[in-house]
Amino acid sequence: MQVKETRAKPVSSRLLSANYIGALLIIFGLTIVSHLVIALVLHKNQGAAAIINMSGRQRMLSQRIAGLAAEYRLGDAGALADLQASIDEFATNETMLAADARQDNDGGIAAPALRLMYGPAFQAEMAAFIADARQVAAMPPGAPGAAAPLGRLFAQARAPLLNQLNAIVDVHQRENDRVLAELADLQFVIMLAVLLTLAAEALLIFQPMIRRIEIFTDEITRLAAIDPLTGLPNRRGFFDACAVELERARRHGRHLSVLMLDADHFKRINDTHGHAAGDEVLRHLADTLRMTLRASDIAGRMGGEEFAVLLPETDLEGARLLAQRVRKTIAEAEILIGRTKLALTVSLGVAAVAADEPSAIEHALQLADEAMYQAKAAGRNRVVQAA
């Protein structure tokens, strides 16, 4: 029987660990980048929201200043504190907004428009509005000199200033929407990159890794069922293969037979020529079985110098004839050990498998083993068929 061997490529634990750690680092890196993008989005959103809120508040403050100035002019002294506080807030906000428009570190498309809006003319208008408001607040309610600055204050607050402030808020809002859209696109790209990376890792790292582990596991399982000296199935592997054939014989009602084979005077060979010579004899027996048996037959080393063979679709007579062919082939061959030629004979027992029995294979091997010892007792180098 030819035993087909499939050798798996050695699996390097260092390579597996490096691939796994590399995959984790890639995922970790993309996760960090995604986190930074989200943090940037939040920071941008908070900063833009603060600017938009401040710009919108300027519109409200401009109207509030005009209203409070009118109330104070009409004699409501209690409006003075609110008027001064509103003027101070309006002036502080204006300074911050003007500085933000001049700096514009982001380089967005709104930068030119904001710088144009916060040009010298608009800043002069804002300064005049704040100066008129402070002048009204500095005079007593009924002072005649307050009429002129109050009139200019109303004129600015009604349309020119309000329209300009509305335009500034719109520019900030559009710029904020643009930046958030770009960051959302960037976040989508990163998410897509993470998914593609995971897919690539699954295909290029984890799938090959798992496949190599499977091959390695299969190799370990195979080696556990193989006799390392002869390459034939060991006792465990032999019985596993027999179980499959026994089930097939039961299902289809076909014949099944076994052989037991033992090298004659094997202890004498070991004692005379050494254990290395004994190992060579066992390998020679395994090679002879591979060459003599059919592809469907199953040979295994049961231990020591004993071998067993399962013969599917073979009755007792067919098994006997095959056993005679094996015996003759071994007897006619010479084994070269160094410069010494050894002659070898084997004794064989043959038995049919009663497939319907609960322990059919074990019982048939026991009968074949008994027949084999009868062959030895009868002079060796012969085949005995179990009754």
Protein backbone atom coordinates (compact mmCIF):
# COMPACT_ATOMS: atom_id res chain seq x y z
CA MET A 1 0.00 0.00 0.00
CA GLN A 2 1.34 3.40 -0.91
CA VAL A 3 1.10 5.79 2.01
CA LYS A 4 0.60 9.30 0.77
CA GLU A 5 2.46 11.87 2.84
CA THR A 6 1.66 15.56 2.78
CA ARG A 7 4.26 17.64 4.52
CA ALA A 8 3.13 20.99 5.84
CA LYS A 9 5.49 23.91 5.66
CA PRO A 10 6.97 24.64 9.06
CA VAL A 11 4.93 27.22 10.91
CA SER A 12 7.10 29.92 12.46
CA SER A 13 5.65 31.11 15.75
CA ARG A 14 7.69 34.28 15.34
CA LEU A 15 6.14 34.96 11.93
CA LEU A 16 2.62 34.24 13.20
CA SER A 17 3.17 36.54 16.17
CA ALA A 18 4.64 39.28 13.97
CA ASN A 19 1.71 39.10 11.56
CA TYR A 20 -0.80 39.20 14.39
CA ILE A 21 0.93 42.08 16.18
CA GLY A 22 1.24 43.95 12.88
CA ALA A 23 -2.48 43.58 12.25
CA LEU A 24 -3.28 44.84 15.73
CA LEU A 25 -0.96 47.83 15.28
CA ILE A 26 -2.63 48.77 12.00
CA ILE A 27 -6.07 48.64 13.60
CA PHE A 28 -4.76 50.54 16.61
CA GLY A 29 -3.26 53.24 14.38
CA LEU A 30 -6.44 53.68 12.38
CA THR A 31 -8.45 53.82 15.61
CA ILE A 32 -6.19 56.58 16.93
CA VAL A 33 -6.48 58.52 13.67
CA SER A 34 -10.26 58.15 13.76
CA HIS A 35 -10.30 59.35 17.37
CA LEU A 36 -8.18 62.39 16.47
CA VAL A 37 -10.48 63.24 13.58
CA ILE A 38 -13.51 63.03 15.87
CA ALA A 39 -11.70 65.24 18.41
CA LEU A 40 -10.86 67.69 15.63
CA VAL A 41 -14.47 67.71 14.48
CA LEU A 42 -15.64 68.44 18.01
CA HIS A 43 -13.01 71.16 18.46
CA LYS A 44 -13.90 72.76 15.15
CA ASN A 45 -17.57 72.53 15.92
CA GLN A 46 -17.12 74.08 19.36
CA GLY A 47 -14.89 76.88 18.05
CA ALA A 48 -17.16 77.63 15.12
CA ALA A 49 -20.22 77.51 17.37
CA ALA A 50 -18.59 80.03 19.72
CA ILE A 51 -17.79 82.39 16.83
CA ILE A 52 -21.26 82.01 15.32
CA ASN A 53 -22.85 82.57 18.74
CA MET A 54 -20.72 85.65 19.31
CA SER A 55 -21.53 87.05 15.86
CA GLY A 56 -25.23 86.42 16.41
CA ARG A 57 -25.04 88.04 19.83
CA GLN A 58 -23.54 91.15 18.24
CA ARG A 59 -26.76 91.57 16.27
CA MET A 60 -28.81 91.34 19.44
CA LEU A 61 -26.48 93.67 21.34
CA SER A 62 -26.64 96.31 18.61
CA GLN A 63 -30.42 96.43 18.98
CA ARG A 64 -30.23 96.22 22.75
CA ILE A 65 -27.78 99.14 22.95
CA ALA A 66 -30.06 101.31 20.78
CA GLY A 67 -33.10 100.40 22.89
CA LEU A 68 -31.37 100.94 26.23
CA ALA A 69 -29.93 104.25 25.02
CA ALA A 70 -33.44 105.42 24.11
CA GLU A 71 -34.79 104.36 27.52
CA TYR A 72 -31.96 106.15 29.30
CA ARG A 73 -32.46 109.27 27.18
CA LEU A 74 -36.14 109.29 28.17
CA GLY A 75 -35.14 109.38 31.82
CA ASP A 76 -34.91 105.74 32.92
CA ALA A 77 -31.75 105.95 35.02
CA GLY A 78 -31.98 102.24 35.79
CA ALA A 79 -31.16 101.44 32.15
CA LEU A 80 -27.69 103.00 32.45
CA ALA A 81 -25.99 99.99 34.06
CA ASP A 82 -27.40 97.58 31.44
CA LEU A 83 -26.44 100.01 28.68
CA GLN A 84 -22.84 100.24 29.84
CA ALA A 85 -22.59 96.45 30.28
CA SER A 86 -24.00 95.86 26.76
CA ILE A 87 -21.59 98.42 25.28
CA ASP A 88 -18.61 96.77 26.99
CA GLU A 89 -19.66 93.28 25.81
CA PHE A 90 -20.27 94.58 22.27
CA ALA A 91 -16.82 96.22 22.20
CA THR A 92 -15.07 93.12 23.58
CA ASN A 93 -16.81 90.83 21.10
CA GLU A 94 -15.96 93.15 18.25
CA THR A 95 -12.27 93.12 19.17
CA MET A 96 -12.25 89.30 19.27
CA LEU A 97 -14.18 88.89 16.01
CA ALA A 98 -11.96 91.39 14.20
CA ALA A 99 -8.82 89.60 15.44
CA ASP A 100 -10.25 86.23 14.35
CA ALA A 101 -11.04 87.59 10.89
CA ARG A 102 -7.52 88.99 10.49
CA GLN A 103 -5.77 85.79 11.67
CA ASP A 104 -7.90 83.08 10.01
CA ASN A 105 -5.29 80.38 10.62
CA ASP A 106 -7.48 77.74 8.94
CA GLY A 107 -7.12 79.25 5.49
CA GLY A 108 -10.76 78.52 4.66
CA ILE A 109 -12.69 79.93 1.75
CA ALA A 110 -14.37 82.40 4.15
CA ALA A 111 -11.08 84.13 4.99
CA PRO A 112 -11.11 86.65 2.11
CA ALA A 113 -14.77 87.50 2.69
CA LEU A 114 -14.29 88.05 6.42
CA ARG A 115 -11.19 90.15 5.93
CA LEU A 116 -13.09 92.25 3.39
CA MET A 117 -16.06 92.68 5.73
CA TYR A 118 -13.80 93.64 8.62
CA GLY A 119 -12.05 96.23 6.51
CA PRO A 120 -11.22 99.77 7.66
CA ALA A 121 -14.66 101.12 6.70
CA PHE A 122 -16.60 98.58 8.76
CA GLN A 123 -14.24 98.90 11.71
CA ALA A 124 -14.68 102.66 11.55
CA GLU A 125 -18.47 102.18 11.59
CA MET A 126 -18.22 99.86 14.60
CA ALA A 127 -15.90 102.26 16.42
CA ALA A 128 -18.29 105.15 15.71
CA PHE A 129 -21.27 103.09 16.93
CA ILE A 130 -19.46 102.21 20.16
CA ALA A 131 -18.28 105.83 20.61
CA ASP A 132 -21.81 107.20 20.11
CA ALA A 133 -23.20 104.66 22.59
CA ARG A 134 -20.56 105.56 25.19
CA GLN A 135 -21.24 109.26 24.60
CA VAL A 136 -24.98 108.82 25.24
CA ALA A 137 -24.22 106.78 28.38
CA ALA A 138 -21.81 109.44 29.63
CA MET A 139 -24.38 112.29 29.46
CA PRO A 140 -27.30 112.90 31.80
CA PRO A 141 -30.68 111.69 30.45
CA GLY A 142 -31.92 115.12 29.42
CA ALA A 143 -28.62 116.54 28.09
CA PRO A 144 -29.20 118.33 24.74
CA GLY A 145 -25.86 117.07 23.37
CA ALA A 146 -27.05 113.44 23.46
CA ALA A 147 -29.54 113.94 20.64
CA ALA A 148 -26.97 113.84 17.85
CA PRO A 149 -25.13 110.64 18.93
CA LEU A 150 -28.45 108.97 19.74
CA GLY A 151 -29.74 109.75 16.25
CA ARG A 152 -26.61 108.26 14.66
CA LEU A 153 -26.95 105.24 16.95
CA PHE A 154 -30.52 104.62 15.77
CA ALA A 155 -29.57 105.12 12.12
CA GLN A 156 -26.77 102.52 12.34
CA ALA A 157 -28.75 100.00 14.36
CA ARG A 158 -31.78 100.07 12.05
CA ALA A 159 -30.14 98.78 8.85
CA PRO A 160 -26.47 99.28 7.92
CA LEU A 161 -24.93 97.73 11.02
CA LEU A 162 -27.56 95.04 11.34
CA ASN A 163 -27.21 93.99 7.69
CA GLN A 164 -23.43 93.83 8.00
CA LEU A 165 -23.62 91.75 11.16
CA ASN A 166 -26.15 89.42 9.50
CA ALA A 167 -23.78 88.96 6.58
CA ILE A 168 -20.89 88.13 8.93
CA VAL A 169 -22.99 85.50 10.72
CA ASP A 170 -23.92 83.94 7.36
CA VAL A 171 -20.27 83.74 6.30
CA HIS A 172 -19.29 82.08 9.57
CA GLN A 173 -22.17 79.62 9.29
CA ARG A 174 -21.31 78.66 5.71
CA GLU A 175 -17.67 78.20 6.60
CA ASN A 176 -18.61 76.07 9.59
CA ASP A 177 -20.86 73.90 7.42
CA ARG A 178 -18.07 73.50 4.85
CA VAL A 179 -15.47 72.50 7.45
CA LEU A 180 -17.82 70.03 9.10
CA ALA A 181 -18.67 68.51 5.70
CA GLU A 182 -14.96 68.09 4.91
CA LEU A 183 -14.28 66.52 8.29
CA ALA A 184 -17.27 64.23 7.87
CA ASP A 185 -15.86 63.15 4.48
CA LEU A 186 -12.47 62.58 6.09
CA GLN A 187 -14.04 60.51 8.83
CA PHE A 188 -15.88 58.45 6.20
CA VAL A 189 -12.60 57.88 4.34
CA ILE A 190 -10.93 56.74 7.56
CA MET A 191 -13.85 54.42 8.35
CA LEU A 192 -13.62 53.01 4.83
CA ALA A 193 -9.87 52.59 5.27
CA VAL A 194 -10.46 50.70 8.53
CA LEU A 195 -12.97 48.38 6.85
CA LEU A 196 -10.65 47.80 3.86
CA THR A 197 -7.74 47.19 6.21
CA LEU A 198 -9.76 44.66 8.18
CA ALA A 199 -10.76 42.94 4.95
CA ALA A 200 -7.14 42.93 3.75
CA GLU A 201 -5.97 41.58 7.10
CA ALA A 202 -8.61 38.87 6.96
CA LEU A 203 -7.48 37.84 3.47
CA LEU A 204 -3.73 38.41 3.70
CA ILE A 205 -2.95 37.76 7.37
CA PHE A 206 -5.63 35.98 9.34
CA GLN A 207 -6.86 33.60 6.62
CA PRO A 208 -3.32 32.38 5.73
CA MET A 209 -2.49 32.24 9.44
CA ILE A 210 -5.55 30.12 10.19
CA ARG A 211 -4.87 27.96 7.12
CA ARG A 212 -1.29 27.34 8.23
CA ILE A 213 -2.49 26.49 11.73
CA GLU A 214 -4.98 24.05 10.20
CA ILE A 215 -2.22 22.47 8.10
CA PHE A 216 0.03 22.28 11.13
CA THR A 217 -2.78 20.71 13.17
CA ASP A 218 -3.51 18.22 10.38
CA GLU A 219 0.18 17.36 10.23
CA ILE A 220 0.32 16.73 13.97
CA THR A 221 -2.80 14.56 13.73
CA ARG A 222 -1.31 12.67 10.79
CA LEU A 223 2.00 12.11 12.56
CA ALA A 224 0.16 10.85 15.63
CA ALA A 225 -1.27 8.04 13.47
CA ILE A 226 1.97 7.21 11.59
CA ASP A 227 4.82 4.96 12.68
CA PRO A 228 7.93 7.16 12.29
CA LEU A 229 10.27 4.26 11.47
CA THR A 230 8.31 2.63 8.64
CA GLY A 231 5.98 5.42 7.53
CA LEU A 232 3.03 3.01 7.81
CA PRO A 233 0.03 3.72 10.01
CA ASN A 234 0.66 2.84 13.64
CA ARG A 235 -1.82 0.81 15.68
CA ARG A 236 -4.09 3.84 16.18
CA GLY A 237 -3.97 4.89 12.54
CA PHE A 238 -4.56 1.34 11.38
CA PHE A 239 -7.70 0.90 13.47
CA ASP A 240 -9.04 4.31 12.40
CA ALA A 241 -8.69 3.30 8.75
CA CYS A 242 -10.19 -0.13 9.44
CA ALA A 243 -13.28 1.48 10.98
CA VAL A 244 -14.01 3.26 7.70
CA GLU A 245 -13.60 0.11 5.62
CA LEU A 246 -15.65 -1.97 8.05
CA GLU A 247 -18.55 0.47 7.76
CA ARG A 248 -18.32 0.31 3.97
CA ALA A 249 -18.27 -3.53 4.02
CA ARG A 250 -21.34 -3.60 6.30
CA ARG A 251 -23.22 -1.11 4.12
CA HIS A 252 -22.55 -2.95 0.85
CA GLY A 253 -22.32 -6.50 2.19
CA ARG A 254 -18.80 -7.11 0.88
CA HIS A 255 -15.98 -9.42 1.99
CA LEU A 256 -13.23 -8.20 4.30
CA SER A 257 -10.12 -10.08 5.45
CA VAL A 258 -7.00 -9.46 7.54
CA LEU A 259 -3.40 -10.62 7.59
CA MET A 260 -1.01 -10.74 10.52
CA LEU A 261 2.68 -10.82 9.62
CA ASP A 262 5.71 -11.34 11.86
CA ALA A 263 9.41 -11.40 10.90
CA ASP A 264 11.04 -14.76 11.63
CA HIS A 265 14.01 -14.79 14.05
CA PHE A 266 13.92 -11.00 14.38
CA LYS A 267 15.54 -11.08 17.84
CA ARG A 268 18.48 -13.01 16.37
CA ILE A 269 18.96 -10.25 13.76
CA ASN A 270 18.99 -7.59 16.46
CA ASP A 271 21.38 -9.55 18.67
CA THR A 272 23.75 -10.42 15.81
CA HIS A 273 23.74 -7.29 13.66
CA GLY A 274 22.48 -4.64 16.02
CA HIS A 275 19.29 -2.60 16.33
CA ALA A 276 20.16 -0.45 13.31
CA ALA A 277 20.03 -3.60 11.20
CA GLY A 278 16.71 -4.51 12.85
CA ASP A 279 15.32 -1.08 11.93
CA GLU A 280 16.44 -1.58 8.34
CA VAL A 281 14.66 -4.94 8.25
CA LEU A 282 11.43 -3.32 9.46
CA ARG A 283 11.72 -0.62 6.79
CA HIS A 284 12.30 -3.31 4.19
CA LEU A 285 9.15 -5.13 5.30
CA ALA A 286 7.13 -1.89 5.07
CA ASP A 287 8.48 -1.15 1.57
CA THR A 288 7.65 -4.69 0.45
CA LEU A 289 4.08 -4.32 1.67
CA ARG A 290 3.74 -1.03 -0.21
CA MET A 291 4.92 -2.62 -3.42
CA THR A 292 2.99 -5.87 -3.08
CA LEU A 293 -0.38 -4.78 -1.76
CA ARG A 294 -3.14 -3.09 -3.69
CA ALA A 295 -3.82 0.63 -3.35
CA SER A 296 -7.01 -0.11 -1.44
CA ASP A 297 -5.30 -2.39 1.09
CA ILE A 298 -4.31 -0.96 4.49
CA ALA A 299 -1.08 -2.02 6.15
CA GLY A 300 0.01 -0.97 9.63
CA ARG A 301 2.75 -1.66 12.13
CA MET A 302 1.17 -3.09 15.27
CA GLY A 303 4.35 -3.01 17.33
CA GLY A 304 7.80 -4.61 17.30
CA GLU A 305 8.13 -6.75 14.18
CA GLU A 306 4.40 -7.39 13.80
CA PHE A 307 2.42 -5.94 10.91
CA ALA A 308 -1.29 -6.15 10.10
CA VAL A 309 -3.03 -5.77 6.76
CA LEU A 310 -6.72 -5.12 6.06
CA LEU A 311 -7.92 -6.40 2.67
CA PRO A 312 -11.18 -4.77 1.49
CA GLU A 313 -13.45 -6.75 -0.86
CA THR A 314 -11.33 -9.87 -0.37
CA ASP A 315 -12.56 -13.26 0.79
CA LEU A 316 -10.49 -15.74 2.79
CA GLU A 317 -9.09 -17.53 -0.27
CA GLY A 318 -8.10 -14.27 -1.90
CA ALA A 319 -6.40 -13.20 1.33
CA ARG A 320 -4.49 -16.46 1.48
CA LEU A 321 -3.21 -16.06 -2.06
CA LEU A 322 -2.11 -12.48 -1.38
CA ALA A 323 -0.39 -13.58 1.82
CA GLN A 324 1.54 -16.24 -0.13
CA ARG A 325 2.66 -13.57 -2.63
CA VAL A 326 3.88 -11.36 0.19
CA ARG A 327 5.70 -14.26 1.87
CA LYS A 328 7.38 -15.29 -1.37
CA THR A 329 8.45 -11.76 -2.26
CA ILE A 330 10.08 -11.26 1.13
CA ALA A 331 11.78 -14.67 1.11
CA GLU A 332 13.28 -14.13 -2.36
CA ALA A 333 14.69 -10.71 -1.54
CA GLU A 334 18.05 -9.96 0.07
CA ILE A 335 18.56 -7.14 2.53
CA LEU A 336 21.91 -5.37 2.35
CA ILE A 337 23.15 -4.21 5.76
CA GLY A 338 26.48 -2.53 5.15
CA ARG A 339 28.40 -5.25 3.33
CA THR A 340 26.29 -8.05 4.79
CA LYS A 341 23.39 -9.59 2.90
CA LEU A 342 20.58 -10.85 5.07
CA ALA A 343 17.88 -13.33 4.09
CA LEU A 344 14.50 -12.77 5.74
CA THR A 345 11.34 -14.81 6.02
CA VAL A 346 7.98 -14.03 7.58
CA SER A 347 5.13 -16.03 9.03
CA LEU A 348 1.58 -14.98 8.22
CA GLY A 349 -1.87 -15.68 9.58
CA VAL A 350 -5.03 -15.05 7.55
CA ALA A 351 -8.58 -14.56 8.82
CA ALA A 352 -11.88 -13.40 7.42
CA VAL A 353 -13.71 -10.49 9.07
CA ALA A 354 -17.26 -11.18 10.20
CA ALA A 355 -18.51 -7.66 9.53
CA ASP A 356 -21.68 -8.10 11.58
CA GLU A 357 -19.83 -8.81 14.83
CA PRO A 358 -19.55 -5.93 17.36
CA SER A 359 -15.69 -6.06 17.47
CA ALA A 360 -15.23 -7.52 14.01
CA ILE A 361 -11.72 -6.20 13.27
CA GLU A 362 -10.29 -6.97 16.70
CA HIS A 363 -11.72 -10.52 16.62
CA ALA A 364 -10.42 -11.19 13.10
CA LEU A 365 -6.93 -9.90 14.05
CA GLN A 366 -6.92 -12.19 17.07
CA LEU A 367 -7.74 -15.18 14.84
CA ALA A 368 -5.08 -14.13 12.32
CA ASP A 369 -2.55 -13.68 15.14
CA GLU A 370 -3.26 -17.20 16.41
CA ALA A 371 -2.89 -18.57 12.88
CA MET A 372 0.41 -16.69 12.53
CA TYR A 373 1.81 -18.36 15.64
CA GLN A 374 0.65 -21.69 14.28
CA ALA A 375 2.74 -20.89 11.17
CA LYS A 376 5.78 -20.22 13.38
CA ALA A 377 5.21 -23.42 15.33
CA ALA A 378 4.97 -25.34 12.06
CA GLY A 379 8.44 -24.19 10.93
CA ARG A 380 8.02 -20.51 9.95
CA ASN A 381 8.07 -18.98 6.43
CA ARG A 382 4.54 -20.08 5.74
CA VAL A 383 0.91 -18.94 5.69
CA VAL A 384 -1.75 -20.41 7.96
CA GLN A 385 -5.41 -19.75 7.40
CA ALA A 386 -7.62 -19.36 10.48
CA ALA A 387 -10.31 -21.99 10.81
